[in-house]
Amino acid sequence: MILDTVSRLSRYAALNPLFLRAAEYLRRSDLNLMADGRYEISGEDAFLTLTRSSLRLSTEASLEAHRLYADIQIVLSGEEGYGWRSVASCTAPRGTYCAERDILFYDDRPDTFLTLRPGGMAVFFPSDAHAPLIGSGEVRKCIVKVRC
């Protein structure tokens, strides 16, 4: 997991060259003026989704993990909490992995929590189970999916 600001995403290009493509796309786009929906960055290798979501209590949040993509979560307005736990320490999968959505949920509880504010960024790799949308009120966010 990486915690930083979105303006520094390009510094992580050595981890995955698609991070640089995503950073360039984000730098030349005003996400606040874009409608909610999906936008391609590099075909199915990198794309983003803009969404507005209601937040929930931490006890209602579910850990999720992805096998094919890293999630770059960026808060545009509001504040969003996340739970985190290493996938290696998750022992209670809920159902089976859904390849179509690249997601597996867990009934385990997070080990730690963090909060992102506008401009904040969290990168969750396939080794990171994360529980998004924790808090009260609503958040507008950008989720960049980057193939690992």
N, C-alpha and C. Protein backbone atom coordinates (compact mmCIF):
# COMPACT_ATOMS: atom_id res chain seq x y z
N MET A 1 0.84 -1.17 0.00
CA MET A 1 0.00 0.00 0.00
C MET A 1 0.89 1.24 0.00
N ILE A 2 0.44 2.24 -0.71
CA ILE A 2 1.12 3.54 -0.75
C ILE A 2 0.12 4.59 -0.30
N LEU A 3 0.54 5.48 0.58
CA LEU A 3 -0.25 6.65 0.97
C LEU A 3 0.53 7.88 0.56
N ASP A 4 -0.09 8.77 -0.19
CA ASP A 4 0.60 9.96 -0.67
C ASP A 4 -0.44 10.93 -1.19
N THR A 5 0.00 11.91 -1.96
CA THR A 5 -0.92 12.81 -2.64
C THR A 5 -0.91 12.46 -4.12
N VAL A 6 -2.01 12.72 -4.80
CA VAL A 6 -2.12 12.36 -6.21
C VAL A 6 -1.08 13.10 -7.05
N SER A 7 -0.67 14.27 -6.63
CA SER A 7 0.33 15.03 -7.39
C SER A 7 1.68 14.33 -7.44
N ARG A 8 1.89 13.35 -6.58
CA ARG A 8 3.17 12.64 -6.54
C ARG A 8 3.10 11.23 -7.14
N LEU A 9 2.00 10.89 -7.81
CA LEU A 9 1.84 9.55 -8.36
C LEU A 9 2.97 9.17 -9.32
N SER A 10 3.43 10.10 -10.14
CA SER A 10 4.47 9.77 -11.13
C SER A 10 5.76 9.29 -10.48
N ARG A 11 5.98 9.61 -9.23
CA ARG A 11 7.20 9.17 -8.52
C ARG A 11 7.23 7.65 -8.34
N TYR A 12 6.11 7.00 -8.53
CA TYR A 12 6.02 5.55 -8.33
C TYR A 12 6.05 4.78 -9.65
N ALA A 13 6.42 5.45 -10.73
CA ALA A 13 6.43 4.81 -12.06
C ALA A 13 7.38 3.62 -12.13
N ALA A 14 8.41 3.60 -11.31
CA ALA A 14 9.34 2.46 -11.31
C ALA A 14 8.64 1.18 -10.86
N LEU A 15 7.57 1.31 -10.09
CA LEU A 15 6.81 0.14 -9.64
C LEU A 15 5.94 -0.44 -10.76
N ASN A 16 5.45 0.44 -11.61
CA ASN A 16 4.58 0.03 -12.71
C ASN A 16 4.53 1.19 -13.71
N PRO A 17 4.99 0.99 -14.95
CA PRO A 17 5.00 2.09 -15.92
C PRO A 17 3.62 2.68 -16.19
N LEU A 18 2.57 1.91 -15.93
CA LEU A 18 1.22 2.44 -16.11
C LEU A 18 0.88 3.53 -15.09
N PHE A 19 1.61 3.56 -13.98
CA PHE A 19 1.41 4.65 -13.02
C PHE A 19 1.74 5.99 -13.67
N LEU A 20 2.77 6.01 -14.52
CA LEU A 20 3.14 7.25 -15.20
C LEU A 20 2.04 7.67 -16.18
N ARG A 21 1.50 6.73 -16.92
CA ARG A 21 0.39 7.05 -17.84
C ARG A 21 -0.80 7.60 -17.07
N ALA A 22 -1.11 6.96 -15.95
CA ALA A 22 -2.22 7.43 -15.13
C ALA A 22 -1.95 8.83 -14.61
N ALA A 23 -0.73 9.07 -14.13
CA ALA A 23 -0.36 10.39 -13.60
C ALA A 23 -0.48 11.46 -14.68
N GLU A 24 -0.04 11.15 -15.89
CA GLU A 24 -0.14 12.12 -17.00
C GLU A 24 -1.60 12.41 -17.33
N TYR A 25 -2.43 11.38 -17.36
CA TYR A 25 -3.86 11.56 -17.64
C TYR A 25 -4.49 12.45 -16.56
N LEU A 26 -4.19 12.15 -15.31
CA LEU A 26 -4.76 12.92 -14.20
C LEU A 26 -4.28 14.36 -14.22
N ARG A 27 -3.02 14.59 -14.60
CA ARG A 27 -2.46 15.94 -14.62
C ARG A 27 -3.16 16.82 -15.66
N ARG A 28 -3.55 16.24 -16.80
CA ARG A 28 -4.17 17.05 -17.85
C ARG A 28 -5.70 17.03 -17.81
N SER A 29 -6.28 16.40 -16.80
CA SER A 29 -7.74 16.31 -16.69
C SER A 29 -8.21 17.02 -15.43
N ASP A 30 -9.32 17.71 -15.53
CA ASP A 30 -9.94 18.30 -14.34
C ASP A 30 -11.07 17.37 -13.91
N LEU A 31 -10.74 16.46 -13.01
CA LEU A 31 -11.70 15.44 -12.58
C LEU A 31 -12.96 16.04 -11.99
N ASN A 32 -12.84 17.22 -11.39
CA ASN A 32 -14.01 17.86 -10.78
C ASN A 32 -15.03 18.32 -11.81
N LEU A 33 -14.59 18.50 -13.06
CA LEU A 33 -15.51 18.93 -14.12
C LEU A 33 -16.05 17.76 -14.94
N MET A 34 -15.52 16.57 -14.71
CA MET A 34 -15.92 15.39 -15.48
C MET A 34 -17.13 14.71 -14.82
N ALA A 35 -17.98 14.15 -15.65
CA ALA A 35 -19.16 13.44 -15.16
C ALA A 35 -18.75 12.10 -14.56
N ASP A 36 -19.56 11.60 -13.64
CA ASP A 36 -19.32 10.27 -13.11
C ASP A 36 -19.36 9.26 -14.26
N GLY A 37 -18.53 8.25 -14.16
CA GLY A 37 -18.48 7.22 -15.19
C GLY A 37 -17.08 6.69 -15.38
N ARG A 38 -16.92 5.87 -16.40
CA ARG A 38 -15.64 5.21 -16.69
C ARG A 38 -14.92 5.93 -17.83
N TYR A 39 -13.60 6.09 -17.69
CA TYR A 39 -12.76 6.74 -18.69
C TYR A 39 -11.52 5.88 -18.94
N GLU A 40 -11.20 5.65 -20.21
CA GLU A 40 -10.02 4.87 -20.55
C GLU A 40 -8.76 5.72 -20.47
N ILE A 41 -7.72 5.12 -19.93
CA ILE A 41 -6.39 5.73 -19.92
C ILE A 41 -5.50 4.98 -20.90
N SER A 42 -5.52 3.65 -20.82
CA SER A 42 -4.73 2.80 -21.70
C SER A 42 -5.49 1.48 -21.90
N GLY A 43 -6.63 1.56 -22.57
CA GLY A 43 -7.45 0.38 -22.81
C GLY A 43 -7.85 -0.30 -21.51
N GLU A 44 -7.77 -1.62 -21.50
CA GLU A 44 -8.10 -2.39 -20.30
C GLU A 44 -6.94 -2.45 -19.31
N ASP A 45 -5.79 -1.91 -19.69
CA ASP A 45 -4.63 -1.93 -18.79
C ASP A 45 -4.70 -0.84 -17.73
N ALA A 46 -5.35 0.26 -18.06
CA ALA A 46 -5.48 1.37 -17.10
C ALA A 46 -6.73 2.17 -17.46
N PHE A 47 -7.60 2.34 -16.49
CA PHE A 47 -8.81 3.12 -16.69
C PHE A 47 -9.24 3.68 -15.34
N LEU A 48 -10.13 4.66 -15.37
CA LEU A 48 -10.60 5.23 -14.11
C LEU A 48 -12.11 5.29 -14.10
N THR A 49 -12.63 5.31 -12.89
CA THR A 49 -14.06 5.48 -12.66
C THR A 49 -14.25 6.63 -11.69
N LEU A 50 -15.10 7.56 -12.07
CA LEU A 50 -15.49 8.65 -11.17
C LEU A 50 -16.85 8.30 -10.59
N THR A 51 -16.97 8.45 -9.29
CA THR A 51 -18.21 8.04 -8.63
C THR A 51 -18.48 8.90 -7.40
N ARG A 52 -19.74 8.97 -7.05
CA ARG A 52 -20.19 9.61 -5.81
C ARG A 52 -20.86 8.51 -5.00
N SER A 53 -20.43 8.34 -3.75
CA SER A 53 -20.93 7.23 -2.94
C SER A 53 -21.25 7.67 -1.53
N SER A 54 -22.24 7.02 -0.94
CA SER A 54 -22.55 7.22 0.47
C SER A 54 -21.57 6.41 1.30
N LEU A 55 -21.18 6.97 2.43
CA LEU A 55 -20.24 6.30 3.33
C LEU A 55 -21.00 5.49 4.37
N ARG A 56 -20.29 4.58 5.04
CA ARG A 56 -20.92 3.68 6.01
C ARG A 56 -20.03 3.51 7.23
N LEU A 57 -20.58 2.91 8.26
CA LEU A 57 -19.82 2.63 9.47
C LEU A 57 -18.73 1.60 9.18
N SER A 58 -17.65 1.66 9.94
CA SER A 58 -16.56 0.70 9.73
C SER A 58 -17.02 -0.73 9.96
N THR A 59 -18.01 -0.92 10.83
CA THR A 59 -18.52 -2.27 11.09
C THR A 59 -19.32 -2.83 9.91
N GLU A 60 -19.74 -1.95 9.00
CA GLU A 60 -20.50 -2.38 7.83
C GLU A 60 -19.63 -2.55 6.59
N ALA A 61 -18.38 -2.12 6.67
CA ALA A 61 -17.49 -2.17 5.51
C ALA A 61 -16.89 -3.56 5.35
N SER A 62 -16.72 -3.97 4.10
CA SER A 62 -16.15 -5.29 3.80
C SER A 62 -14.78 -5.14 3.15
N LEU A 63 -13.86 -5.98 3.60
CA LEU A 63 -12.56 -6.03 2.95
C LEU A 63 -12.72 -6.64 1.56
N GLU A 64 -12.00 -6.09 0.61
CA GLU A 64 -11.98 -6.61 -0.75
C GLU A 64 -10.54 -6.62 -1.25
N ALA A 65 -10.27 -7.49 -2.20
CA ALA A 65 -8.94 -7.53 -2.82
C ALA A 65 -9.10 -7.88 -4.29
N HIS A 66 -8.12 -7.47 -5.07
CA HIS A 66 -8.12 -7.69 -6.51
C HIS A 66 -6.86 -8.46 -6.89
N ARG A 67 -6.95 -9.27 -7.91
CA ARG A 67 -5.79 -10.07 -8.34
C ARG A 67 -5.10 -9.48 -9.56
N LEU A 68 -5.85 -8.81 -10.43
CA LEU A 68 -5.29 -8.34 -11.69
C LEU A 68 -4.89 -6.88 -11.69
N TYR A 69 -5.54 -6.08 -10.85
CA TYR A 69 -5.35 -4.64 -10.88
C TYR A 69 -4.95 -4.10 -9.51
N ALA A 70 -4.16 -3.03 -9.54
CA ALA A 70 -3.96 -2.20 -8.36
C ALA A 70 -5.04 -1.11 -8.40
N ASP A 71 -5.54 -0.72 -7.25
CA ASP A 71 -6.49 0.38 -7.13
C ASP A 71 -5.73 1.62 -6.69
N ILE A 72 -5.88 2.71 -7.44
CA ILE A 72 -5.40 4.01 -7.00
C ILE A 72 -6.65 4.79 -6.62
N GLN A 73 -6.86 4.96 -5.33
CA GLN A 73 -8.06 5.62 -4.82
C GLN A 73 -7.72 7.08 -4.52
N ILE A 74 -8.50 8.00 -5.09
CA ILE A 74 -8.26 9.43 -4.96
C ILE A 74 -9.55 10.10 -4.51
N VAL A 75 -9.50 10.83 -3.41
CA VAL A 75 -10.68 11.55 -2.93
C VAL A 75 -10.72 12.92 -3.59
N LEU A 76 -11.88 13.26 -4.17
CA LEU A 76 -12.08 14.56 -4.81
C LEU A 76 -12.82 15.53 -3.90
N SER A 77 -13.82 15.05 -3.18
CA SER A 77 -14.52 15.90 -2.20
C SER A 77 -15.03 15.01 -1.08
N GLY A 78 -15.07 15.59 0.11
CA GLY A 78 -15.43 14.83 1.30
C GLY A 78 -14.20 14.17 1.90
N GLU A 79 -14.43 13.29 2.84
CA GLU A 79 -13.37 12.50 3.46
C GLU A 79 -13.80 11.05 3.42
N GLU A 80 -12.85 10.16 3.15
CA GLU A 80 -13.18 8.74 3.08
C GLU A 80 -12.21 7.94 3.93
N GLY A 81 -12.77 7.08 4.77
CA GLY A 81 -11.96 6.17 5.55
C GLY A 81 -11.82 4.84 4.84
N TYR A 82 -10.72 4.17 5.14
CA TYR A 82 -10.43 2.85 4.58
C TYR A 82 -9.93 1.95 5.70
N GLY A 83 -10.30 0.70 5.63
CA GLY A 83 -9.67 -0.31 6.46
C GLY A 83 -8.63 -1.03 5.61
N TRP A 84 -7.61 -1.59 6.25
CA TRP A 84 -6.56 -2.31 5.52
C TRP A 84 -6.15 -3.55 6.28
N ARG A 85 -5.82 -4.58 5.53
CA ARG A 85 -5.26 -5.81 6.08
C ARG A 85 -4.51 -6.52 4.95
N SER A 86 -3.41 -7.13 5.27
CA SER A 86 -2.67 -7.90 4.27
C SER A 86 -3.51 -9.09 3.82
N VAL A 87 -3.56 -9.32 2.52
CA VAL A 87 -4.28 -10.48 2.00
C VAL A 87 -3.71 -11.76 2.61
N ALA A 88 -2.40 -11.78 2.83
CA ALA A 88 -1.76 -12.98 3.40
C ALA A 88 -2.31 -13.34 4.77
N SER A 89 -2.84 -12.36 5.50
CA SER A 89 -3.38 -12.65 6.83
C SER A 89 -4.91 -12.80 6.83
N CYS A 90 -5.54 -12.70 5.67
CA CYS A 90 -6.99 -12.91 5.58
C CYS A 90 -7.27 -14.41 5.55
N THR A 91 -8.17 -14.84 6.41
CA THR A 91 -8.47 -16.27 6.52
C THR A 91 -9.94 -16.60 6.26
N ALA A 92 -10.77 -15.58 6.03
CA ALA A 92 -12.21 -15.82 5.90
C ALA A 92 -12.77 -15.22 4.60
N PRO A 93 -12.45 -15.84 3.45
CA PRO A 93 -13.04 -15.34 2.21
C PRO A 93 -14.55 -15.51 2.23
N ARG A 94 -15.24 -14.53 1.66
CA ARG A 94 -16.70 -14.61 1.54
C ARG A 94 -17.01 -14.99 0.09
N GLY A 95 -17.36 -16.21 -0.13
CA GLY A 95 -17.62 -16.67 -1.49
C GLY A 95 -16.31 -16.96 -2.22
N THR A 96 -16.39 -16.88 -3.54
CA THR A 96 -15.22 -17.16 -4.36
C THR A 96 -14.84 -15.91 -5.16
N TYR A 97 -13.65 -15.95 -5.69
CA TYR A 97 -13.14 -14.85 -6.51
C TYR A 97 -14.01 -14.70 -7.75
N CYS A 98 -14.40 -13.47 -8.05
CA CYS A 98 -15.18 -13.15 -9.25
C CYS A 98 -14.23 -12.58 -10.29
N ALA A 99 -13.86 -13.40 -11.29
CA ALA A 99 -12.91 -12.96 -12.31
C ALA A 99 -13.46 -11.82 -13.14
N GLU A 100 -14.75 -11.82 -13.41
CA GLU A 100 -15.37 -10.76 -14.22
C GLU A 100 -15.19 -9.39 -13.59
N ARG A 101 -15.28 -9.32 -12.27
CA ARG A 101 -15.13 -8.04 -11.56
C ARG A 101 -13.77 -7.91 -10.89
N ASP A 102 -12.93 -8.94 -11.00
CA ASP A 102 -11.62 -8.97 -10.34
C ASP A 102 -11.75 -8.60 -8.87
N ILE A 103 -12.54 -9.37 -8.14
CA ILE A 103 -12.76 -9.04 -6.73
C ILE A 103 -13.03 -10.29 -5.90
N LEU A 104 -12.52 -10.26 -4.70
CA LEU A 104 -12.82 -11.27 -3.68
C LEU A 104 -13.05 -10.52 -2.38
N PHE A 105 -14.16 -10.81 -1.72
CA PHE A 105 -14.48 -10.18 -0.44
C PHE A 105 -14.05 -11.09 0.70
N TYR A 106 -13.78 -10.48 1.84
CA TYR A 106 -13.38 -11.21 3.04
C TYR A 106 -14.25 -10.79 4.22
N ASP A 107 -14.51 -11.73 5.12
CA ASP A 107 -15.21 -11.43 6.36
C ASP A 107 -14.25 -11.03 7.48
N ASP A 108 -12.95 -11.10 7.23
CA ASP A 108 -11.96 -10.65 8.22
C ASP A 108 -12.17 -9.17 8.50
N ARG A 109 -11.69 -8.71 9.63
CA ARG A 109 -11.76 -7.29 9.99
C ARG A 109 -10.42 -6.63 9.65
N PRO A 110 -10.43 -5.36 9.31
CA PRO A 110 -9.18 -4.65 9.02
C PRO A 110 -8.26 -4.61 10.24
N ASP A 111 -6.96 -4.56 9.98
CA ASP A 111 -5.96 -4.40 11.04
C ASP A 111 -5.74 -2.93 11.38
N THR A 112 -5.94 -2.06 10.40
CA THR A 112 -5.67 -0.64 10.60
C THR A 112 -6.62 0.18 9.74
N PHE A 113 -6.75 1.46 10.08
CA PHE A 113 -7.65 2.36 9.37
C PHE A 113 -6.91 3.63 8.98
N LEU A 114 -7.34 4.26 7.90
CA LEU A 114 -6.76 5.52 7.45
C LEU A 114 -7.86 6.37 6.85
N THR A 115 -7.61 7.66 6.74
CA THR A 115 -8.57 8.59 6.16
C THR A 115 -7.89 9.40 5.07
N LEU A 116 -8.57 9.52 3.93
CA LEU A 116 -8.09 10.37 2.84
C LEU A 116 -8.98 11.59 2.72
N ARG A 117 -8.34 12.71 2.43
CA ARG A 117 -9.03 13.97 2.18
C ARG A 117 -8.78 14.37 0.73
N PRO A 118 -9.44 15.41 0.21
CA PRO A 118 -9.24 15.78 -1.19
C PRO A 118 -7.75 15.94 -1.53
N GLY A 119 -7.38 15.32 -2.64
CA GLY A 119 -5.98 15.32 -3.08
C GLY A 119 -5.19 14.15 -2.54
N GLY A 120 -5.72 13.47 -1.54
CA GLY A 120 -5.04 12.31 -0.97
C GLY A 120 -5.20 11.10 -1.87
N MET A 121 -4.23 10.21 -1.79
CA MET A 121 -4.21 9.03 -2.65
C MET A 121 -3.76 7.82 -1.86
N ALA A 122 -4.42 6.71 -2.09
CA ALA A 122 -3.98 5.42 -1.56
C ALA A 122 -3.90 4.44 -2.72
N VAL A 123 -2.79 3.72 -2.80
CA VAL A 123 -2.63 2.69 -3.82
C VAL A 123 -2.70 1.34 -3.11
N PHE A 124 -3.66 0.54 -3.52
CA PHE A 124 -3.82 -0.80 -2.96
C PHE A 124 -3.43 -1.82 -4.03
N PHE A 125 -2.42 -2.62 -3.73
CA PHE A 125 -1.93 -3.64 -4.63
C PHE A 125 -2.70 -4.94 -4.39
N PRO A 126 -2.53 -5.96 -5.25
CA PRO A 126 -3.22 -7.23 -5.01
C PRO A 126 -2.92 -7.86 -3.65
N SER A 127 -1.84 -7.48 -3.01
CA SER A 127 -1.52 -8.01 -1.68
C SER A 127 -2.22 -7.25 -0.55
N ASP A 128 -2.98 -6.21 -0.90
CA ASP A 128 -3.65 -5.36 0.08
C ASP A 128 -5.16 -5.55 0.04
N ALA A 129 -5.73 -6.10 1.09
CA ALA A 129 -7.19 -6.11 1.23
C ALA A 129 -7.58 -4.76 1.80
N HIS A 130 -8.62 -4.16 1.26
CA HIS A 130 -9.02 -2.83 1.71
C HIS A 130 -10.54 -2.75 1.80
N ALA A 131 -10.99 -1.96 2.76
CA ALA A 131 -12.42 -1.74 2.99
C ALA A 131 -12.69 -0.26 2.77
N PRO A 132 -13.19 0.12 1.59
CA PRO A 132 -13.43 1.53 1.30
C PRO A 132 -14.76 2.03 1.84
N LEU A 133 -14.99 3.32 1.63
CA LEU A 133 -16.28 3.97 1.90
C LEU A 133 -16.66 3.98 3.37
N ILE A 134 -15.69 4.23 4.24
CA ILE A 134 -15.96 4.32 5.67
C ILE A 134 -16.06 5.79 6.07
N GLY A 135 -17.08 6.11 6.83
CA GLY A 135 -17.26 7.47 7.31
C GLY A 135 -18.73 7.82 7.37
N SER A 136 -19.02 9.12 7.33
CA SER A 136 -20.41 9.57 7.30
C SER A 136 -20.56 10.58 6.18
N GLY A 137 -21.74 10.63 5.62
CA GLY A 137 -21.98 11.55 4.52
C GLY A 137 -21.69 10.91 3.18
N GLU A 138 -21.12 11.70 2.29
CA GLU A 138 -20.89 11.27 0.92
C GLU A 138 -19.49 11.64 0.49
N VAL A 139 -18.95 10.91 -0.46
CA VAL A 139 -17.63 11.19 -1.01
C VAL A 139 -17.72 11.14 -2.53
N ARG A 140 -16.99 12.03 -3.18
CA ARG A 140 -16.79 11.91 -4.63
C ARG A 140 -15.35 11.50 -4.80
N LYS A 141 -15.14 10.47 -5.61
CA LYS A 141 -13.80 9.91 -5.71
C LYS A 141 -13.52 9.41 -7.11
N CYS A 142 -12.25 9.16 -7.31
CA CYS A 142 -11.74 8.60 -8.55
C CYS A 142 -11.02 7.30 -8.19
N ILE A 143 -11.36 6.23 -8.89
CA ILE A 143 -10.66 4.96 -8.70
C ILE A 143 -9.97 4.64 -10.02
N VAL A 144 -8.65 4.66 -9.99
CA VAL A 144 -7.87 4.28 -11.17
C VAL A 144 -7.49 2.82 -11.02
N LYS A 145 -7.79 2.03 -12.03
CA LYS A 145 -7.42 0.61 -12.05
C LYS A 145 -6.22 0.48 -12.98
N VAL A 146 -5.14 -0.12 -12.45
CA VAL A 146 -3.91 -0.30 -13.22
C VAL A 146 -3.55 -1.78 -13.18
N ARG A 147 -3.42 -2.38 -14.36
CA ARG A 147 -3.08 -3.81 -14.43
C ARG A 147 -1.69 -4.03 -13.86
N CYS A 148 -1.58 -5.04 -13.01
CA CYS A 148 -0.29 -5.38 -12.39
C CYS A 148 0.47 -6.39 -13.24
